N, C-alpha and C. Protein backbone atom coordinates (compact mmCIF):
# COMPACT_ATOMS: atom_id res chain seq x y z
N UNK A 1 87.45 128.23 75.44
CA UNK A 1 86.04 128.45 75.71
C UNK A 1 85.22 128.13 74.46
N UNK A 2 84.17 127.33 74.61
CA UNK A 2 83.34 126.92 73.49
C UNK A 2 82.26 127.96 73.22
N UNK A 3 82.09 128.33 71.94
CA UNK A 3 81.08 129.31 71.56
C UNK A 3 79.71 128.63 71.50
N UNK A 4 78.68 129.30 72.00
CA UNK A 4 77.34 128.70 72.01
C UNK A 4 76.72 128.75 70.61
N UNK A 5 75.85 127.80 70.35
CA UNK A 5 75.18 127.67 69.06
C UNK A 5 74.00 128.65 69.01
N UNK A 6 73.88 129.46 67.93
CA UNK A 6 72.74 130.38 67.82
C UNK A 6 71.42 129.60 67.72
N UNK A 7 70.39 130.09 68.38
CA UNK A 7 69.07 129.48 68.36
C UNK A 7 68.14 130.37 67.53
N UNK A 8 67.40 129.75 66.60
CA UNK A 8 66.48 130.50 65.74
C UNK A 8 65.10 129.85 65.80
N UNK A 9 64.07 130.60 65.38
CA UNK A 9 62.70 130.12 65.45
C UNK A 9 62.15 129.81 64.07
N UNK A 10 61.46 128.70 63.95
CA UNK A 10 60.77 128.32 62.72
C UNK A 10 59.55 129.23 62.58
N UNK A 11 59.33 129.82 61.40
CA UNK A 11 58.20 130.75 61.24
C UNK A 11 56.86 130.02 61.16
N UNK A 12 56.88 128.73 60.92
CA UNK A 12 55.64 127.99 60.78
C UNK A 12 55.12 127.48 62.13
N UNK A 13 55.95 126.75 62.87
CA UNK A 13 55.50 126.15 64.13
C UNK A 13 55.96 126.92 65.36
N UNK A 14 56.83 127.91 65.16
CA UNK A 14 57.33 128.77 66.23
C UNK A 14 58.14 128.04 67.30
N UNK A 15 58.73 126.90 66.94
CA UNK A 15 59.62 126.21 67.88
C UNK A 15 61.04 126.69 67.64
N UNK A 16 61.85 126.60 68.67
CA UNK A 16 63.23 127.06 68.57
C UNK A 16 64.17 125.87 68.36
N UNK A 17 65.13 126.08 67.46
CA UNK A 17 66.09 125.03 67.10
C UNK A 17 67.47 125.66 66.91
N UNK A 18 68.54 124.86 66.97
CA UNK A 18 69.86 125.39 66.61
C UNK A 18 69.84 125.85 65.15
N UNK A 19 70.52 126.92 64.87
CA UNK A 19 70.49 127.54 63.54
C UNK A 19 70.90 126.57 62.42
N UNK A 20 71.89 125.71 62.68
CA UNK A 20 72.38 124.84 61.62
C UNK A 20 71.41 123.70 61.28
N UNK A 21 70.35 123.49 62.07
CA UNK A 21 69.39 122.43 61.77
C UNK A 21 68.17 122.95 61.00
N UNK A 22 68.12 124.25 60.72
CA UNK A 22 66.98 124.85 60.03
C UNK A 22 67.32 125.19 58.58
N UNK A 23 66.27 125.31 57.76
CA UNK A 23 66.42 125.73 56.36
C UNK A 23 66.20 127.24 56.33
N UNK A 24 67.12 127.95 55.69
CA UNK A 24 67.04 129.41 55.64
C UNK A 24 66.60 129.86 54.25
N UNK A 25 65.54 130.65 54.23
CA UNK A 25 64.95 131.14 52.97
C UNK A 25 64.78 132.65 53.05
N UNK A 26 64.53 133.26 51.89
CA UNK A 26 64.20 134.69 51.86
C UNK A 26 63.22 134.94 50.73
N UNK A 27 62.53 136.07 50.80
CA UNK A 27 61.57 136.44 49.76
C UNK A 27 62.22 137.48 48.86
N UNK A 28 62.22 137.20 47.57
CA UNK A 28 62.85 138.10 46.60
C UNK A 28 61.89 138.31 45.44
N UNK A 29 61.47 139.53 45.22
CA UNK A 29 60.52 139.86 44.16
C UNK A 29 59.29 138.96 44.19
N UNK A 30 58.69 138.81 45.36
CA UNK A 30 57.47 138.01 45.58
C UNK A 30 57.68 136.52 45.38
N UNK A 31 58.94 136.06 45.29
CA UNK A 31 59.24 134.63 45.20
C UNK A 31 60.09 134.23 46.40
N UNK A 32 59.81 133.08 46.97
CA UNK A 32 60.64 132.56 48.05
C UNK A 32 61.79 131.80 47.42
N UNK A 33 63.03 132.16 47.82
CA UNK A 33 64.23 131.54 47.27
C UNK A 33 65.17 131.15 48.42
N UNK A 34 66.17 130.35 48.11
CA UNK A 34 67.18 130.00 49.10
C UNK A 34 67.95 131.25 49.51
N UNK A 35 68.36 131.32 50.75
CA UNK A 35 69.08 132.49 51.26
C UNK A 35 70.44 132.58 50.59
N UNK A 36 70.79 133.77 50.10
CA UNK A 36 72.04 133.97 49.37
C UNK A 36 73.07 134.78 50.15
N UNK A 37 72.75 135.17 51.39
CA UNK A 37 73.69 135.93 52.19
C UNK A 37 73.39 137.42 52.24
N UNK A 38 72.37 137.86 51.50
CA UNK A 38 72.02 139.27 51.47
C UNK A 38 70.54 139.43 51.80
N UNK A 39 70.22 140.40 52.65
CA UNK A 39 68.83 140.70 52.96
C UNK A 39 68.28 139.95 54.14
N UNK A 40 67.00 140.18 54.43
CA UNK A 40 66.33 139.52 55.55
C UNK A 40 65.92 138.11 55.15
N UNK A 41 65.91 137.24 56.13
CA UNK A 41 65.57 135.86 55.84
C UNK A 41 64.67 135.29 56.93
N UNK A 42 64.22 134.06 56.72
CA UNK A 42 63.42 133.36 57.71
C UNK A 42 63.80 131.89 57.68
N UNK A 43 63.40 131.17 58.73
CA UNK A 43 63.80 129.78 58.90
C UNK A 43 62.60 128.86 58.94
N UNK A 44 62.80 127.63 58.43
CA UNK A 44 61.80 126.56 58.52
C UNK A 44 62.48 125.32 59.09
N UNK A 45 61.79 124.63 60.00
CA UNK A 45 62.36 123.39 60.55
C UNK A 45 62.00 122.22 59.62
N UNK A 46 62.73 121.13 59.75
CA UNK A 46 62.52 119.98 58.86
C UNK A 46 61.16 119.33 59.05
N UNK A 47 60.60 119.37 60.27
CA UNK A 47 59.28 118.76 60.48
C UNK A 47 58.19 119.54 59.76
N UNK A 48 58.31 120.86 59.68
CA UNK A 48 57.33 121.67 58.95
C UNK A 48 57.46 121.48 57.44
N UNK A 49 58.67 121.27 56.97
CA UNK A 49 58.90 121.04 55.53
C UNK A 49 58.24 119.73 55.11
N UNK A 50 58.26 118.73 55.98
CA UNK A 50 57.69 117.41 55.68
C UNK A 50 56.18 117.37 55.88
N UNK A 51 55.62 118.32 56.62
CA UNK A 51 54.20 118.35 56.92
C UNK A 51 53.45 119.03 55.77
N UNK A 52 52.66 118.25 55.04
CA UNK A 52 51.97 118.75 53.85
C UNK A 52 51.01 119.91 54.16
N UNK A 53 50.33 119.83 55.31
CA UNK A 53 49.38 120.86 55.70
C UNK A 53 50.09 122.20 55.94
N UNK A 54 51.24 122.15 56.60
CA UNK A 54 51.98 123.38 56.89
C UNK A 54 52.56 123.98 55.61
N UNK A 55 53.00 123.13 54.69
CA UNK A 55 53.53 123.62 53.41
C UNK A 55 52.44 124.34 52.64
N UNK A 56 51.23 123.77 52.64
CA UNK A 56 50.11 124.43 51.95
C UNK A 56 49.82 125.80 52.57
N UNK A 57 49.92 125.89 53.89
CA UNK A 57 49.72 127.17 54.57
C UNK A 57 50.79 128.18 54.19
N UNK A 58 52.03 127.73 54.06
CA UNK A 58 53.12 128.63 53.65
C UNK A 58 52.95 129.08 52.21
N UNK A 59 52.49 128.17 51.35
CA UNK A 59 52.24 128.53 49.95
C UNK A 59 51.21 129.66 49.89
N UNK A 60 50.17 129.53 50.70
CA UNK A 60 49.12 130.55 50.74
C UNK A 60 49.65 131.86 51.34
N UNK A 61 50.43 131.74 52.41
CA UNK A 61 50.96 132.91 53.11
C UNK A 61 51.85 133.76 52.22
N UNK A 62 52.71 133.11 51.45
CA UNK A 62 53.65 133.83 50.58
C UNK A 62 53.16 133.95 49.14
N UNK A 63 51.94 133.46 48.87
CA UNK A 63 51.36 133.52 47.51
C UNK A 63 52.32 132.93 46.48
N UNK A 64 52.68 131.67 46.69
CA UNK A 64 53.63 130.99 45.82
C UNK A 64 52.93 129.96 44.95
N UNK A 65 53.62 129.56 43.87
CA UNK A 65 53.20 128.42 43.08
C UNK A 65 53.58 127.18 43.88
N UNK A 66 52.60 126.36 44.23
CA UNK A 66 52.84 125.23 45.14
C UNK A 66 53.89 124.26 44.61
N UNK A 67 53.83 123.94 43.33
CA UNK A 67 54.78 122.99 42.75
C UNK A 67 56.23 123.49 42.85
N UNK A 68 56.44 124.76 42.53
CA UNK A 68 57.78 125.34 42.59
C UNK A 68 58.28 125.41 44.03
N UNK A 69 57.40 125.77 44.96
CA UNK A 69 57.77 125.91 46.37
C UNK A 69 58.15 124.55 46.96
N UNK A 70 57.37 123.52 46.67
CA UNK A 70 57.66 122.17 47.17
C UNK A 70 58.98 121.68 46.58
N UNK A 71 59.23 121.96 45.31
CA UNK A 71 60.48 121.56 44.67
C UNK A 71 61.68 122.25 45.34
N UNK A 72 61.55 123.55 45.65
CA UNK A 72 62.61 124.29 46.33
C UNK A 72 62.90 123.68 47.70
N UNK A 73 61.86 123.37 48.46
CA UNK A 73 62.05 122.79 49.79
C UNK A 73 62.70 121.41 49.70
N UNK A 74 62.33 120.62 48.72
CA UNK A 74 62.93 119.28 48.59
C UNK A 74 64.39 119.37 48.19
N UNK A 75 64.77 120.38 47.41
CA UNK A 75 66.17 120.57 47.03
C UNK A 75 67.02 120.98 48.23
N UNK A 76 66.43 121.75 49.15
CA UNK A 76 67.19 122.27 50.30
C UNK A 76 67.27 121.30 51.47
N UNK A 77 66.45 120.24 51.46
CA UNK A 77 66.52 119.28 52.58
C UNK A 77 67.44 118.13 52.29
């Protein structure tokens, strides 16, 4: 019997995707970092990562330094 793929939602566009196709991040001490296996996390889809307008919205939402946040997303894609 084949196990079904978990479906998760992108926090930016609210579309559902298979878990392995999303980028998983978490907020640690007011900084967004790559998920390390501990704590609560959230997902971003690749189309939102590439969309400059949505990235700017996420920078504002999480109160991040835009340059560092964009660099983190480019490293994870």
